[in-house]
Amino acid sequence: MTYKQPISAKRGEIRFRDKLSDQHFGTKTAFPQEYTSQEMIRVLVEKTRRVREDFAKLNREGVALSPFLDIGAGYGQASLLLENEFSAQGFASDLASKPLLTMNESAKRLGFSRLPHAVVFDAESIPFPNQSFAFVFCYQTLHHFPHPLAVTREIARVLKPGGVFFFAEEPVAQSFNLPLWHRPTKLRWWEKALKATLILPFISRIGKTEIDHGILEEAFPLSVWKEALTPFAKFETELKPFPFGPKGSLERNNGLNRLFLFFLGGGITGVARKKASQAKPTKPHFACPTCRRHPRLSKKNGALICPNCGDTFPVTDSIPILIKKKLRKKLYG
């Protein structure tokens, strides 16, 4: 199996997120089946509520939430929440720069004032040194790769000893499915009719607009999720069938939960921990994604430069674009 995300999918992510950001935070309507600006306000508020519950639970369990790294941050609502309500500091990252540029607007809509650092990078090559972060997390991100292991290996590398990786709202494959088409976020009238009869989830899959742009919309079986968590010393997961059914986990084989997942599919949430050791953690700083030697990047003429290999990385609208030169040209020109 190929673990690397194809360049066409990376390019599709950037093109799609650019246009969608204009729709969510402007007046343009590029995709009638996606949320409008007014609808997106309600979605952001609801997402922030769910994230608040997740972080509060982790906080009660003694998980250190700072310094943090948010991968696939989108409009940054989770990072904004950590900065403003949990006294944490860290970085909101994404492959596309346009969503990160909306964080000022997201903060206004959500009533936040403090902003995290924003950075653009490829999650398969995280531009930070080993053992930099106490907490790394992502929502609805890993299923955009052919295999989550391409990202979880890098996450384990940048976690401090004993650090925590949290992921949520990721899909578990529905085995009993005939994927005749991909449906959009806002269902069309005939899809609503099929949903009312409970047939829709068995003959279609989500993600039409993303698929149209070449973005990967994967749903992984439990064996792939278990393999994706092998870089960590231990993990705890929750498997929840959708739209109903008994909860379970990867760690414990609940036959009834597996049966519901087989027919309905569902979602997985997990907390994975890196092995504690005597290794000295590193304070987070930008490092070179090209030479992988992780020297601290220096500033020069409004850009960032690697003192080891000499590669230069642009800073656009105060956001560093820390992607390898060859790949950056293919994605951003």
C-alpha atoms as a PDB file:
ATOM      1  CA  MET A   1       0.000   0.000   0.000  1.00  0.00           C
ATOM      2  CA  THR A   2       1.204   3.526  -0.831  1.00  0.00           C
ATOM      3  CA  TYR A   3       1.277   5.629   2.321  1.00  0.00           C
ATOM      4  CA  LYS A   4       2.160   8.962   0.703  1.00  0.00           C
ATOM      5  CA  GLN A   5      -0.540  11.399  -0.317  1.00  0.00           C
ATOM      6  CA  PRO A   6      -0.367  12.031  -4.110  1.00  0.00           C
ATOM      7  CA  ILE A   7       0.548  15.520  -5.293  1.00  0.00           C
ATOM      8  CA  SER A   8      -2.755  15.774  -7.167  1.00  0.00           C
ATOM      9  CA  ALA A   9      -4.600  15.373  -3.847  1.00  0.00           C
ATOM     10  CA  LYS A  10      -2.412  17.992  -2.151  1.00  0.00           C
ATOM     11  CA  ARG A  11      -3.035  20.406  -5.017  1.00  0.00           C
ATOM     12  CA  GLY A  12      -6.753  19.687  -4.835  1.00  0.00           C
ATOM     13  CA  GLU A  13      -6.795  20.447  -1.104  1.00  0.00           C
ATOM     14  CA  ILE A  14      -5.293  23.878  -1.693  1.00  0.00           C
ATOM     15  CA  ARG A  15      -7.558  24.813  -4.629  1.00  0.00           C
ATOM     16  CA  PHE A  16     -10.694  23.628  -2.861  1.00  0.00           C
ATOM     17  CA  ARG A  17      -9.928  25.229   0.514  1.00  0.00           C
ATOM     18  CA  ASP A  18      -9.101  28.539  -1.176  1.00  0.00           C
ATOM     19  CA  LYS A  19     -12.494  28.716  -2.894  1.00  0.00           C
ATOM     20  CA  LEU A  20     -14.391  27.350   0.089  1.00  0.00           C
ATOM     21  CA  SER A  21     -12.830  29.936   2.421  1.00  0.00           C
ATOM     22  CA  ASP A  22     -14.152  32.718   0.193  1.00  0.00           C
ATOM     23  CA  GLN A  23     -17.619  31.200   0.434  1.00  0.00           C
ATOM     24  CA  HIS A  24     -17.513  30.680   4.201  1.00  0.00           C
ATOM     25  CA  PHE A  25     -16.135  34.129   5.015  1.00  0.00           C
ATOM     26  CA  GLY A  26     -17.321  36.218   2.062  1.00  0.00           C
ATOM     27  CA  THR A  27     -20.182  36.630  -0.371  1.00  0.00           C
ATOM     28  CA  LYS A  28     -19.102  34.328  -3.199  1.00  0.00           C
ATOM     29  CA  THR A  29     -20.941  31.041  -3.747  1.00  0.00           C
ATOM     30  CA  ALA A  30     -18.632  28.579  -5.443  1.00  0.00           C
ATOM     31  CA  PHE A  31     -20.367  25.430  -4.173  1.00  0.00           C
ATOM     32  CA  PRO A  32     -24.182  25.512  -3.711  1.00  0.00           C
ATOM     33  CA  GLN A  33     -24.078  22.185  -1.816  1.00  0.00           C
ATOM     34  CA  GLU A  34     -21.607  23.543   0.793  1.00  0.00           C
ATOM     35  CA  TYR A  35     -22.304  25.849   3.753  1.00  0.00           C
ATOM     36  CA  THR A  36     -22.972  29.550   3.206  1.00  0.00           C
ATOM     37  CA  SER A  37     -21.319  32.239   5.317  1.00  0.00           C
ATOM     38  CA  GLN A  38     -24.260  32.393   7.735  1.00  0.00           C
ATOM     39  CA  GLU A  39     -24.474  28.618   7.999  1.00  0.00           C
ATOM     40  CA  MET A  40     -20.736  28.426   8.652  1.00  0.00           C
ATOM     41  CA  ILE A  41     -21.084  30.622  11.741  1.00  0.00           C
ATOM     42  CA  ARG A  42     -23.403  28.034  13.285  1.00  0.00           C
ATOM     43  CA  VAL A  43     -21.066  25.207  12.222  1.00  0.00           C
ATOM     44  CA  LEU A  44     -18.054  26.933  13.814  1.00  0.00           C
ATOM     45  CA  VAL A  45     -19.937  27.462  17.073  1.00  0.00           C
ATOM     46  CA  GLU A  46     -21.021  23.809  17.164  1.00  0.00           C
ATOM     47  CA  LYS A  47     -17.518  22.529  16.320  1.00  0.00           C
ATOM     48  CA  THR A  48     -16.042  24.725  19.039  1.00  0.00           C
ATOM     49  CA  ARG A  49     -18.526  23.327  21.563  1.00  0.00           C
ATOM     50  CA  ARG A  50     -17.506  19.740  20.749  1.00  0.00           C
ATOM     51  CA  VAL A  51     -13.799  20.580  20.860  1.00  0.00           C
ATOM     52  CA  ARG A  52     -14.236  22.336  24.218  1.00  0.00           C
ATOM     53  CA  GLU A  53     -15.701  19.139  25.672  1.00  0.00           C
ATOM     54  CA  ASP A  54     -12.784  17.082  24.310  1.00  0.00           C
ATOM     55  CA  PHE A  55     -10.093  19.401  25.661  1.00  0.00           C
ATOM     56  CA  ALA A  56     -11.810  19.771  29.038  1.00  0.00           C
ATOM     57  CA  LYS A  57     -11.870  15.984  29.403  1.00  0.00           C
ATOM     58  CA  LEU A  58      -8.178  15.689  28.458  1.00  0.00           C
ATOM     59  CA  ASN A  59      -7.349  18.498  30.874  1.00  0.00           C
ATOM     60  CA  ARG A  60      -9.166  16.702  33.720  1.00  0.00           C
ATOM     61  CA  GLU A  61      -7.180  13.565  32.917  1.00  0.00           C
ATOM     62  CA  GLY A  62      -3.922  15.481  33.382  1.00  0.00           C
ATOM     63  CA  VAL A  63      -2.904  15.781  29.726  1.00  0.00           C
ATOM     64  CA  ALA A  64      -0.546  18.712  29.133  1.00  0.00           C
ATOM     65  CA  LEU A  65      -2.104  20.829  26.377  1.00  0.00           C
ATOM     66  CA  SER A  66       0.849  23.156  25.793  1.00  0.00           C
ATOM     67  CA  PRO A  67       2.897  23.567  23.701  1.00  0.00           C
ATOM     68  CA  PHE A  68       0.517  22.214  21.072  1.00  0.00           C
ATOM     69  CA  LEU A  69       0.466  21.524  17.341  1.00  0.00           C
ATOM     70  CA  ASP A  70      -2.847  21.528  15.465  1.00  0.00           C
ATOM     71  CA  ILE A  71      -2.587  19.600  12.162  1.00  0.00           C
ATOM     72  CA  GLY A  72      -5.181  20.341   9.491  1.00  0.00           C
ATOM     73  CA  ALA A  73      -6.375  23.313  11.524  1.00  0.00           C
ATOM     74  CA  GLY A  74      -8.645  24.760   8.849  1.00  0.00           C
ATOM     75  CA  TYR A  75     -10.161  27.931  10.302  1.00  0.00           C
ATOM     76  CA  GLY A  76      -8.315  27.395  13.563  1.00  0.00           C
ATOM     77  CA  GLN A  77     -11.241  27.105  15.977  1.00  0.00           C
ATOM     78  CA  ALA A  78      -9.566  24.375  18.053  1.00  0.00           C
ATOM     79  CA  SER A  79      -6.280  26.284  18.339  1.00  0.00           C
ATOM     80  CA  LEU A  80      -8.153  29.478  19.186  1.00  0.00           C
ATOM     81  CA  LEU A  81      -9.942  27.622  21.957  1.00  0.00           C
ATOM     82  CA  LEU A  82      -6.677  26.341  23.460  1.00  0.00           C
ATOM     83  CA  GLU A  83      -5.070  29.783  23.351  1.00  0.00           C
ATOM     84  CA  ASN A  84      -8.033  31.625  24.861  1.00  0.00           C
ATOM     85  CA  GLU A  85      -9.692  29.209  27.296  1.00  0.00           C
ATOM     86  CA  PHE A  86      -6.935  26.759  28.281  1.00  0.00           C
ATOM     87  CA  SER A  87      -3.928  29.131  28.594  1.00  0.00           C
ATOM     88  CA  ALA A  88      -2.037  27.047  26.013  1.00  0.00           C
ATOM     89  CA  GLN A  89       0.387  28.183  23.346  1.00  0.00           C
ATOM     90  CA  GLY A  90       1.151  26.593  20.031  1.00  0.00           C
ATOM     91  CA  PHE A  91       0.771  26.397  16.266  1.00  0.00           C
ATOM     92  CA  ALA A  92      -2.181  26.038  13.914  1.00  0.00           C
ATOM     93  CA  SER A  93      -1.081  24.369  10.680  1.00  0.00           C
ATOM     94  CA  ASP A  94      -2.583  23.437   7.347  1.00  0.00           C
ATOM     95  CA  LEU A  95      -1.453  22.613   3.822  1.00  0.00           C
ATOM     96  CA  ALA A  96      -3.628  25.447   2.478  1.00  0.00           C
ATOM     97  CA  SER A  97      -2.821  28.991   3.541  1.00  0.00           C
ATOM     98  CA  LYS A  98      -6.205  30.610   2.794  1.00  0.00           C
ATOM     99  CA  PRO A  99      -8.102  28.985   5.699  1.00  0.00           C
ATOM    100  CA  LEU A 100      -5.376  30.050   8.148  1.00  0.00           C
ATOM    101  CA  LEU A 101      -5.737  33.634   6.946  1.00  0.00           C
ATOM    102  CA  THR A 102      -9.340  33.561   8.182  1.00  0.00           C
ATOM    103  CA  MET A 103      -8.365  32.989  11.827  1.00  0.00           C
ATOM    104  CA  ASN A 104      -8.832  36.684  12.622  1.00  0.00           C
ATOM    105  CA  GLU A 105     -12.395  36.423  11.333  1.00  0.00           C
ATOM    106  CA  SER A 106     -12.952  33.091  13.104  1.00  0.00           C
ATOM    107  CA  ALA A 107     -11.756  34.658  16.359  1.00  0.00           C
ATOM    108  CA  LYS A 108     -14.209  37.548  15.980  1.00  0.00           C
ATOM    109  CA  ARG A 109     -17.128  35.229  15.297  1.00  0.00           C
ATOM    110  CA  LEU A 110     -16.242  33.054  18.286  1.00  0.00           C
ATOM    111  CA  GLY A 111     -15.422  35.904  20.660  1.00  0.00           C
ATOM    112  CA  PHE A 112     -11.691  35.161  21.008  1.00  0.00           C
ATOM    113  CA  SER A 113      -8.814  37.644  21.052  1.00  0.00           C
ATOM    114  CA  ARG A 114      -5.563  35.651  21.222  1.00  0.00           C
ATOM    115  CA  LEU A 115      -4.331  33.964  18.045  1.00  0.00           C
ATOM    116  CA  PRO A 116      -2.015  30.947  17.733  1.00  0.00           C
ATOM    117  CA  HIS A 117       0.995  30.983  15.425  1.00  0.00           C
ATOM    118  CA  ALA A 118      -0.010  29.962  11.892  1.00  0.00           C
ATOM    119  CA  VAL A 119       2.202  27.867   9.623  1.00  0.00           C
ATOM    120  CA  VAL A 120       1.734  26.073   6.305  1.00  0.00           C
ATOM    121  CA  PHE A 121       3.371  22.671   5.899  1.00  0.00           C
ATOM    122  CA  ASP A 122       2.902  19.158   4.562  1.00  0.00           C
ATOM    123  CA  ALA A 123       1.907  16.849   7.434  1.00  0.00           C
ATOM    124  CA  GLU A 124       4.119  14.119   5.952  1.00  0.00           C
ATOM    125  CA  SER A 125       7.157  16.328   6.676  1.00  0.00           C
ATOM    126  CA  ILE A 126       6.531  18.360   9.837  1.00  0.00           C
ATOM    127  CA  PRO A 127       9.049  21.260  10.051  1.00  0.00           C
ATOM    128  CA  PHE A 128       9.838  20.992  13.761  1.00  0.00           C
ATOM    129  CA  PRO A 129      12.624  19.172  15.630  1.00  0.00           C
ATOM    130  CA  ASN A 130      12.193  15.848  17.390  1.00  0.00           C
ATOM    131  CA  GLN A 131      10.412  16.005  20.776  1.00  0.00           C
ATOM    132  CA  SER A 132       8.998  19.523  20.423  1.00  0.00           C
ATOM    133  CA  PHE A 133       5.362  19.275  21.533  1.00  0.00           C
ATOM    134  CA  ALA A 134       3.541  18.007  24.596  1.00  0.00           C
ATOM    135  CA  PHE A 135       0.263  17.820  22.666  1.00  0.00           C
ATOM    136  CA  VAL A 136      -0.469  17.191  18.977  1.00  0.00           C
ATOM    137  CA  PHE A 137      -4.019  16.837  17.689  1.00  0.00           C
ATOM    138  CA  CYS A 138      -6.152  16.774  14.566  1.00  0.00           C
ATOM    139  CA  TYR A 139      -9.824  16.635  13.613  1.00  0.00           C
ATOM    140  CA  GLN A 140     -11.136  15.195  10.315  1.00  0.00           C
ATOM    141  CA  THR A 141      -7.630  15.098   8.831  1.00  0.00           C
ATOM    142  CA  LEU A 142      -6.115  11.605   8.703  1.00  0.00           C
ATOM    143  CA  HIS A 143      -8.696  10.252   6.264  1.00  0.00           C
ATOM    144  CA  HIS A 144      -7.347  12.573   3.545  1.00  0.00           C
ATOM    145  CA  PHE A 145      -4.242  10.351   3.264  1.00  0.00           C
ATOM    146  CA  PRO A 146      -3.941   6.898   1.668  1.00  0.00           C
ATOM    147  CA  HIS A 147      -2.883   5.603   5.098  1.00  0.00           C
ATOM    148  CA  PRO A 148      -2.757   7.492   8.432  1.00  0.00           C
ATOM    149  CA  LEU A 149       0.706   6.081   9.182  1.00  0.00           C
ATOM    150  CA  ALA A 150       2.241   8.623   6.799  1.00  0.00           C
ATOM    151  CA  VAL A 151       1.262  11.298   9.329  1.00  0.00           C
ATOM    152  CA  THR A 152       1.276   9.469  12.662  1.00  0.00           C
ATOM    153  CA  ARG A 153       4.973   8.566  12.271  1.00  0.00           C
ATOM    154  CA  GLU A 154       5.806  12.258  11.996  1.00  0.00           C
ATOM    155  CA  ILE A 155       3.522  13.115  14.908  1.00  0.00           C
ATOM    156  CA  ALA A 156       5.268  10.558  17.116  1.00  0.00           C
ATOM    157  CA  ARG A 157       8.626  12.053  16.128  1.00  0.00           C
ATOM    158  CA  VAL A 158       7.733  15.621  17.176  1.00  0.00           C
ATOM    159  CA  LEU A 159       6.011  14.603  20.427  1.00  0.00           C
ATOM    160  CA  LYS A 160       7.919  15.050  23.654  1.00  0.00           C
ATOM    161  CA  PRO A 161       8.597  11.891  25.706  1.00  0.00           C
ATOM    162  CA  GLY A 162       5.296  11.060  27.372  1.00  0.00           C
ATOM    163  CA  GLY A 163       3.464  13.449  25.030  1.00  0.00           C
ATOM    164  CA  VAL A 164      -0.089  12.876  23.782  1.00  0.00           C
ATOM    165  CA  PHE A 165      -1.605  12.678  20.312  1.00  0.00           C
ATOM    166  CA  PHE A 166      -5.377  13.168  20.146  1.00  0.00           C
ATOM    167  CA  PHE A 167      -7.490  12.599  17.036  1.00  0.00           C
ATOM    168  CA  ALA A 168     -11.251  12.705  16.507  1.00  0.00           C
ATOM    169  CA  GLU A 169     -14.057  12.680  13.944  1.00  0.00           C
ATOM    170  CA  GLU A 170     -12.309  10.151  11.714  1.00  0.00           C
ATOM    171  CA  PRO A 171     -14.290   7.505   9.778  1.00  0.00           C
ATOM    172  CA  VAL A 172     -14.292   3.750  10.181  1.00  0.00           C
ATOM    173  CA  ALA A 173     -15.032   1.889   6.948  1.00  0.00           C
ATOM    174  CA  GLN A 174     -18.521   0.540   6.385  1.00  0.00           C
ATOM    175  CA  SER A 175     -18.057  -2.906   4.808  1.00  0.00           C
ATOM    176  CA  PHE A 176     -21.710  -3.278   3.843  1.00  0.00           C
ATOM    177  CA  ASN A 177     -21.791  -0.450   1.271  1.00  0.00           C
ATOM    178  CA  LEU A 178     -22.394  -0.091  -2.461  1.00  0.00           C
ATOM    179  CA  PRO A 179     -20.678   3.233  -3.324  1.00  0.00           C
ATOM    180  CA  LEU A 180     -22.716   4.335  -6.336  1.00  0.00           C
ATOM    181  CA  TRP A 181     -21.850   8.021  -5.866  1.00  0.00           C
ATOM    182  CA  HIS A 182     -20.449  10.580  -3.401  1.00  0.00           C
ATOM    183  CA  ARG A 183     -22.996  12.886  -1.786  1.00  0.00           C
ATOM    184  CA  PRO A 184     -22.325  16.578  -0.919  1.00  0.00           C
ATOM    185  CA  THR A 185     -22.429  18.216   2.499  1.00  0.00           C
ATOM    186  CA  LYS A 186     -25.918  19.644   1.885  1.00  0.00           C
ATOM    187  CA  LEU A 187     -28.025  16.848   0.475  1.00  0.00           C
ATOM    188  CA  ARG A 188     -30.071  17.287  -2.676  1.00  0.00           C
ATOM    189  CA  TRP A 189     -33.837  16.652  -2.493  1.00  0.00           C
ATOM    190  CA  TRP A 190     -33.647  13.115  -3.792  1.00  0.00           C
ATOM    191  CA  GLU A 191     -30.787  12.310  -1.407  1.00  0.00           C
ATOM    192  CA  LYS A 192     -32.904  13.615   1.479  1.00  0.00           C
ATOM    193  CA  ALA A 193     -35.670  11.250   0.366  1.00  0.00           C
ATOM    194  CA  LEU A 194     -33.241   8.322   0.328  1.00  0.00           C
ATOM    195  CA  LYS A 195     -31.959   9.352   3.768  1.00  0.00           C
ATOM    196  CA  ALA A 196     -35.506   9.295   5.128  1.00  0.00           C
ATOM    197  CA  THR A 197     -35.825   5.683   3.981  1.00  0.00           C
ATOM    198  CA  LEU A 198     -32.452   4.817   5.643  1.00  0.00           C
ATOM    199  CA  ILE A 199     -31.104   3.617   2.272  1.00  0.00           C
ATOM    200  CA  LEU A 200     -28.714   6.496   1.560  1.00  0.00           C
ATOM    201  CA  PRO A 201     -25.727   5.409   3.745  1.00  0.00           C
ATOM    202  CA  PHE A 202     -25.696   1.970   2.125  1.00  0.00           C
ATOM    203  CA  ILE A 203     -25.488   3.117  -1.507  1.00  0.00           C
ATOM    204  CA  SER A 204     -23.396   6.308  -1.356  1.00  0.00           C
ATOM    205  CA  ARG A 205     -20.470   7.936   0.422  1.00  0.00           C
ATOM    206  CA  ILE A 206     -19.734  11.457   1.638  1.00  0.00           C
ATOM    207  CA  GLY A 207     -17.380  14.046   0.126  1.00  0.00           C
ATOM    208  CA  LYS A 208     -18.643  14.852  -3.382  1.00  0.00           C
ATOM    209  CA  THR A 209     -17.150  18.343  -3.618  1.00  0.00           C
ATOM    210  CA  GLU A 210     -13.791  17.192  -2.257  1.00  0.00           C
ATOM    211  CA  ILE A 211     -13.672  14.186  -4.578  1.00  0.00           C
ATOM    212  CA  ASP A 212     -14.440  16.472  -7.539  1.00  0.00           C
ATOM    213  CA  HIS A 213     -11.232  18.368  -6.672  1.00  0.00           C
ATOM    214  CA  GLY A 214      -9.102  15.230  -6.428  1.00  0.00           C
ATOM    215  CA  ILE A 215      -9.035  15.179  -2.613  1.00  0.00           C
ATOM    216  CA  LEU A 216      -8.843  11.767  -0.974  1.00  0.00           C
ATOM    217  CA  GLU A 217     -11.880  10.827   1.124  1.00  0.00           C
ATOM    218  CA  GLU A 218     -10.910   7.522   2.720  1.00  0.00           C
ATOM    219  CA  ALA A 219     -12.634   5.410   5.364  1.00  0.00           C
ATOM    220  CA  PHE A 220     -10.268   2.893   6.947  1.00  0.00           C
ATOM    221  CA  PRO A 221     -10.971  -0.551   8.421  1.00  0.00           C
ATOM    222  CA  LEU A 222     -10.009  -1.230  12.033  1.00  0.00           C
ATOM    223  CA  SER A 223      -6.809  -3.050  10.968  1.00  0.00           C
ATOM    224  CA  VAL A 224      -5.505   0.149   9.331  1.00  0.00           C
ATOM    225  CA  TRP A 225      -6.342   2.265  12.373  1.00  0.00           C
ATOM    226  CA  LYS A 226      -4.502  -0.184  14.607  1.00  0.00           C
ATOM    227  CA  GLU A 227      -1.443  -0.056  12.322  1.00  0.00           C
ATOM    228  CA  ALA A 228      -1.569   3.752  12.292  1.00  0.00           C
ATOM    229  CA  LEU A 229      -1.134   3.791  16.078  1.00  0.00           C
ATOM    230  CA  THR A 230       1.933   1.508  16.169  1.00  0.00           C
ATOM    231  CA  PRO A 231       4.408   4.437  16.523  1.00  0.00           C
ATOM    232  CA  PHE A 232       3.029   5.090  20.032  1.00  0.00           C
ATOM    233  CA  ALA A 233       3.686   3.241  23.281  1.00  0.00           C
ATOM    234  CA  LYS A 234      -0.010   2.897  24.132  1.00  0.00           C
ATOM    235  CA  PHE A 235      -3.375   4.156  23.031  1.00  0.00           C
ATOM    236  CA  GLU A 236      -7.036   4.328  24.033  1.00  0.00           C
ATOM    237  CA  THR A 237      -9.779   4.570  21.421  1.00  0.00           C
ATOM    238  CA  GLU A 238     -13.537   4.832  21.134  1.00  0.00           C
ATOM    239  CA  LEU A 239     -15.400   3.272  18.200  1.00  0.00           C
ATOM    240  CA  LYS A 240     -18.908   4.596  17.671  1.00  0.00           C
ATOM    241  CA  PRO A 241     -21.204   3.183  14.955  1.00  0.00           C
ATOM    242  CA  PHE A 242     -23.201   5.747  12.987  1.00  0.00           C
ATOM    243  CA  PRO A 243     -26.023   6.661  13.331  1.00  0.00           C
ATOM    244  CA  PHE A 244     -26.553   4.301  16.299  1.00  0.00           C
ATOM    245  CA  GLY A 245     -25.113   1.233  17.995  1.00  0.00           C
ATOM    246  CA  PRO A 246     -22.993   0.159  20.983  1.00  0.00           C
ATOM    247  CA  LYS A 247     -19.603   1.793  21.525  1.00  0.00           C
ATOM    248  CA  GLY A 248     -16.370  -0.205  21.511  1.00  0.00           C
ATOM    249  CA  SER A 249     -12.613   0.179  21.141  1.00  0.00           C
ATOM    250  CA  LEU A 250      -9.629  -1.185  19.251  1.00  0.00           C
ATOM    251  CA  GLU A 251      -8.192  -2.497  22.511  1.00  0.00           C
ATOM    252  CA  ARG A 252     -11.187  -4.683  23.378  1.00  0.00           C
ATOM    253  CA  ASN A 253     -12.980  -6.919  20.897  1.00  0.00           C
ATOM    254  CA  ASN A 254     -16.687  -6.194  21.326  1.00  0.00           C
ATOM    255  CA  GLY A 255     -18.476  -8.435  18.832  1.00  0.00           C
ATOM    256  CA  LEU A 256     -21.720  -6.441  18.816  1.00  0.00           C
ATOM    257  CA  ASN A 257     -19.826  -3.190  18.200  1.00  0.00           C
ATOM    258  CA  ARG A 258     -17.946  -4.830  15.305  1.00  0.00           C
ATOM    259  CA  LEU A 259     -21.223  -6.045  13.804  1.00  0.00           C
ATOM    260  CA  PHE A 260     -22.757  -2.565  13.850  1.00  0.00           C
ATOM    261  CA  LEU A 261     -19.574  -1.079  12.351  1.00  0.00           C
ATOM    262  CA  PHE A 262     -19.630  -3.680   9.571  1.00  0.00           C
ATOM    263  CA  PHE A 263     -23.142  -2.691   8.490  1.00  0.00           C
ATOM    264  CA  LEU A 264     -23.202   1.018   9.384  1.00  0.00           C
ATOM    265  CA  GLY A 265     -19.614   2.222   9.570  1.00  0.00           C
ATOM    266  CA  GLY A 266     -18.870   4.846  12.193  1.00  0.00           C
ATOM    267  CA  GLY A 267     -16.231   7.046  13.755  1.00  0.00           C
ATOM    268  CA  ILE A 268     -13.075   6.674  15.795  1.00  0.00           C
ATOM    269  CA  THR A 269     -11.581   8.936  18.456  1.00  0.00           C
ATOM    270  CA  GLY A 270      -8.255   8.191  20.093  1.00  0.00           C
ATOM    271  CA  VAL A 271      -5.621   9.246  22.612  1.00  0.00           C
ATOM    272  CA  ALA A 272      -2.128   7.898  21.901  1.00  0.00           C
ATOM    273  CA  ARG A 273       0.889   8.389  24.156  1.00  0.00           C
ATOM    274  CA  LYS A 274       4.579   8.445  23.343  1.00  0.00           C
ATOM    275  CA  LYS A 275       6.882   6.436  25.566  1.00  0.00           C
ATOM    276  CA  ALA A 276       8.365   8.430  28.437  1.00  0.00           C
ATOM    277  CA  SER A 277      12.150   8.611  28.456  1.00  0.00           C
ATOM    278  CA  GLN A 278      15.097  10.625  29.728  1.00  0.00           C
ATOM    279  CA  ALA A 279      15.578  12.248  26.324  1.00  0.00           C
ATOM    280  CA  LYS A 280      15.673  16.028  26.559  1.00  0.00           C
ATOM    281  CA  PRO A 281      12.690  17.742  24.908  1.00  0.00           C
ATOM    282  CA  THR A 282      13.234  20.622  22.472  1.00  0.00           C
ATOM    283  CA  LYS A 283      11.545  24.009  22.572  1.00  0.00           C
ATOM    284  CA  PRO A 284       9.399  24.271  19.420  1.00  0.00           C
ATOM    285  CA  HIS A 285      11.037  26.209  16.609  1.00  0.00           C
ATOM    286  CA  PHE A 286      10.814  26.130  12.832  1.00  0.00           C
ATOM    287  CA  ALA A 287      13.172  23.581  11.299  1.00  0.00           C
ATOM    288  CA  CYS A 288      14.055  22.669   7.735  1.00  0.00           C
ATOM    289  CA  PRO A 289      11.683  20.172   6.030  1.00  0.00           C
ATOM    290  CA  THR A 290      14.161  19.733   3.155  1.00  0.00           C
ATOM    291  CA  CYS A 291      17.386  18.485   4.723  1.00  0.00           C
ATOM    292  CA  ARG A 292      15.659  16.973   7.801  1.00  0.00           C
ATOM    293  CA  ARG A 293      18.580  18.045  10.007  1.00  0.00           C
ATOM    294  CA  HIS A 294      16.260  20.275  12.067  1.00  0.00           C
ATOM    295  CA  PRO A 295      18.514  23.307  12.457  1.00  0.00           C
ATOM    296  CA  ARG A 296      16.743  26.473  13.525  1.00  0.00           C
ATOM    297  CA  LEU A 297      15.704  28.508  10.478  1.00  0.00           C
ATOM    298  CA  SER A 298      16.978  32.078  10.333  1.00  0.00           C
ATOM    299  CA  LYS A 299      15.263  35.176   8.940  1.00  0.00           C
ATOM    300  CA  LYS A 300      16.618  36.891   5.833  1.00  0.00           C
ATOM    301  CA  ASN A 301      14.936  39.451   3.580  1.00  0.00           C
ATOM    302  CA  GLY A 302      11.477  38.613   4.856  1.00  0.00           C
ATOM    303  CA  ALA A 303      11.922  34.863   4.337  1.00  0.00           C
ATOM    304  CA  LEU A 304      13.245  31.926   6.363  1.00  0.00           C
ATOM    305  CA  ILE A 305      16.464  30.179   5.351  1.00  0.00           C
ATOM    306  CA  CYS A 306      18.074  26.921   6.448  1.00  0.00           C
ATOM    307  CA  PRO A 307      21.678  27.421   7.617  1.00  0.00           C
ATOM    308  CA  ASN A 308      22.454  23.790   6.730  1.00  0.00           C
ATOM    309  CA  CYS A 309      21.169  23.283   3.157  1.00  0.00           C
ATOM    310  CA  GLY A 310      20.457  26.897   2.197  1.00  0.00           C
ATOM    311  CA  ASP A 311      16.832  26.267   1.167  1.00  0.00           C
ATOM    312  CA  THR A 312      14.674  29.380   1.487  1.00  0.00           C
ATOM    313  CA  PHE A 313      11.043  29.439   2.566  1.00  0.00           C
ATOM    314  CA  PRO A 314       8.694  32.366   1.861  1.00  0.00           C
ATOM    315  CA  VAL A 315       6.567  34.104   4.476  1.00  0.00           C
ATOM    316  CA  THR A 316       3.254  35.212   2.949  1.00  0.00           C
ATOM    317  CA  ASP A 317       0.892  37.461   4.912  1.00  0.00           C
ATOM    318  CA  SER A 318       2.965  36.652   8.031  1.00  0.00           C
ATOM    319  CA  ILE A 319       2.470  32.886   7.518  1.00  0.00           C
ATOM    320  CA  PRO A 320       5.610  30.787   6.828  1.00  0.00           C
ATOM    321  CA  ILE A 321       5.228  28.334   3.927  1.00  0.00           C
ATOM    322  CA  LEU A 322       7.486  25.522   5.177  1.00  0.00           C
ATOM    323  CA  ILE A 323       7.216  23.074   2.294  1.00  0.00           C
ATOM    324  CA  LYS A 324      10.119  21.551   0.363  1.00  0.00           C
ATOM    325  CA  LYS A 325      11.079  23.726  -2.607  1.00  0.00           C
ATOM    326  CA  LYS A 326      10.177  21.264  -5.379  1.00  0.00           C
ATOM    327  CA  LEU A 327       6.853  20.390  -3.837  1.00  0.00           C
ATOM    328  CA  ARG A 328       6.110  24.036  -3.031  1.00  0.00           C
ATOM    329  CA  LYS A 329       6.506  25.012  -6.687  1.00  0.00           C
ATOM    330  CA  LYS A 330       4.095  22.275  -7.745  1.00  0.00           C
ATOM    331  CA  LEU A 331       1.525  23.315  -5.159  1.00  0.00           C
ATOM    332  CA  TYR A 332       1.898  27.097  -4.944  1.00  0.00           C
ATOM    333  CA  GLY A 333       3.832  28.023  -8.077  1.00  0.00           C
END
